[in-house]
Protein backbone atom coordinates (compact mmCIF):
# COMPACT_ATOMS: atom_id res chain seq x y z
CA MET A 1 3.56 -0.82 -25.86
CA GLN A 2 1.35 -1.14 -22.78
CA HIS A 3 -1.20 1.61 -22.15
CA GLU A 4 -0.90 3.23 -18.71
CA ARG A 5 -4.22 2.95 -16.86
CA ARG A 6 -3.30 5.07 -13.85
CA ARG A 7 -4.34 8.71 -13.68
CA PHE A 8 -1.55 9.64 -11.25
CA LYS A 9 2.20 9.04 -11.39
CA ARG A 10 3.40 6.30 -9.04
CA TYR A 11 6.45 6.74 -6.81
CA ARG A 12 8.68 4.09 -5.28
CA VAL A 13 8.35 4.16 -1.49
CA LYS A 14 11.45 4.16 0.70
CA SER A 15 12.08 1.17 2.95
CA GLY A 16 10.22 1.30 6.24
CA ALA A 17 6.74 2.18 4.98
CA TYR A 18 3.89 -0.23 5.61
CA THR A 19 0.14 -0.55 5.74
CA VAL A 20 -1.90 -1.47 8.77
CA ASN A 21 -5.51 -2.62 8.77
CA SER A 22 -7.64 -5.25 10.44
CA SER A 23 -6.24 -8.22 8.56
CA ARG A 24 -3.53 -7.58 5.95
CA PRO A 25 -0.51 -5.59 7.11
CA GLY A 26 2.00 -5.18 4.31
CA LEU A 27 5.06 -3.40 2.95
CA ILE A 28 4.26 -0.53 0.59
CA VAL A 29 5.90 -0.86 -2.84
CA ASP A 30 4.69 2.25 -4.65
CA ILE A 31 2.21 5.06 -4.14
CA SER A 32 0.45 7.99 -5.80
CA VAL A 33 -2.25 10.41 -4.70
CA GLY A 34 -4.76 8.00 -6.27
CA GLY A 35 -3.65 4.65 -4.87
CA MET A 36 -0.79 2.31 -4.03
CA SER A 37 0.42 -1.27 -4.04
CA PHE A 38 1.78 -3.31 -1.17
CA ASN A 39 3.11 -6.81 -0.55
CA TYR A 40 1.67 -8.98 2.18
CA ILE A 41 1.86 -12.60 3.32
CA ASP A 42 -1.33 -14.39 2.34
CA ARG A 43 -2.87 -16.22 5.25
CA LYS A 44 -5.95 -18.02 4.02
CA GLU A 45 -7.70 -17.87 7.39
CA TRP A 46 -7.68 -14.06 7.53
CA PRO A 47 -11.11 -12.47 7.07
CA GLU A 48 -11.52 -9.78 4.42
CA GLU A 49 -10.66 -6.38 5.81
CA THR A 50 -12.73 -3.30 6.44
CA PHE A 51 -11.61 -1.33 3.35
CA SER A 52 -9.81 1.36 5.28
CA LEU A 53 -6.16 1.30 6.22
CA ASP A 54 -3.36 3.34 7.76
CA ILE A 55 -0.02 4.25 6.20
CA VAL A 56 2.86 4.09 8.66
CA PHE A 57 6.51 5.03 8.17
CA GLY A 58 9.50 4.46 10.43
CA PRO A 59 10.32 2.15 13.31
CA GLU A 60 8.81 4.56 15.82
CA GLU A 61 5.88 5.47 13.53
CA GLU A 62 7.34 8.90 12.74
CA PHE A 63 4.55 9.26 10.17
CA ARG A 64 1.05 7.82 10.35
CA LEU A 65 -1.96 8.55 8.14
CA ASN A 66 -5.14 6.93 9.48
CA ASP A 67 -8.40 5.60 8.06
CA ILE A 68 -7.77 5.84 4.33
CA PRO A 69 -10.76 4.43 2.40
CA TYR A 70 -9.95 2.24 -0.60
CA ARG A 71 -11.09 -0.40 -3.03
CA ILE A 72 -9.07 -3.34 -4.32
CA VAL A 73 -8.12 -3.17 -8.00
CA SER A 74 -5.70 -6.13 -8.14
CA ASP A 75 -4.47 -8.94 -5.94
CA ARG A 76 -1.93 -11.39 -7.31
CA VAL A 77 0.92 -13.64 -6.26
CA ALA A 78 4.09 -11.53 -6.15
CA ASP A 79 6.47 -14.21 -4.93
CA LYS A 80 6.14 -17.85 -4.02
CA GLY A 81 7.24 -16.82 -0.57
CA PHE A 82 9.60 -18.49 1.76
CA HIS A 83 10.55 -21.74 0.06
CA ASP A 84 10.42 -24.05 3.07
CA SER A 85 7.54 -22.39 4.93
CA GLY A 86 4.87 -22.60 2.24
CA LEU A 87 3.98 -18.91 2.71
CA VAL A 88 2.82 -16.96 -0.34
CA VAL A 89 3.62 -13.26 -0.80
CA LYS A 90 0.93 -11.35 -2.69
CA ARG A 91 0.85 -7.86 -4.16
CA ARG A 92 -2.35 -5.91 -3.74
CA GLY A 93 -3.15 -2.81 -5.77
CA ILE A 94 -5.67 -0.40 -4.30
CA GLU A 95 -7.37 2.80 -5.36
CA PHE A 96 -7.97 5.35 -2.62
CA GLY A 97 -11.53 6.41 -1.95
CA GLU A 98 -12.54 9.97 -1.19
CA LEU A 99 -9.95 11.52 1.11
CA THR A 100 -10.54 14.42 3.45
CA SER A 101 -8.54 17.56 2.67
CA GLU A 102 -6.29 16.82 5.67
CA GLN A 103 -5.68 13.22 4.47
CA ARG A 104 -4.82 14.51 0.97
CA ILE A 105 -2.34 17.05 2.38
CA ARG A 106 -0.69 14.42 4.59
CA LEU A 107 -0.58 11.91 1.71
CA GLU A 108 1.16 14.48 -0.52
CA TYR A 109 3.61 15.19 2.34
CA PHE A 110 4.32 11.45 2.64
CA ILE A 111 4.99 11.13 -1.10
CA ARG A 112 7.33 14.16 -1.13
CA ASN A 113 9.30 12.98 1.90
CA HIS A 114 9.22 9.17 1.77
CA ALA A 115 9.02 8.26 -1.92
CA SER A 116 11.11 8.75 -5.04
CA GLU A 117 10.57 8.67 -8.80
CA GLY A 118 10.80 5.44 -10.71
CA GLU A 119 8.99 2.14 -10.64
């Protein structure tokens, strides 16, 4: 049996949620009040990002939570990507840094309204 390292329960995010930052936009896979994971296409020439990102949901950005500080806890190949293109899809796990009270409230709102139980 594998020991759970996370302090907070993770929730599966509904389709349409993504991250935005200076260099690695990605599709959010799961989230908690302590962190999240997302898939992105690895482009070797991208510089390392600024360690803050936005969470966006919906085609018209119905929800947006800006400037979330974080640190990377994992970064691994999730899928070999698109077979003919040579692109590699990676999954990055992040831990959120210290959130403002407003960011925490909005994050909890996002989880309640755009995520569901189960990994």
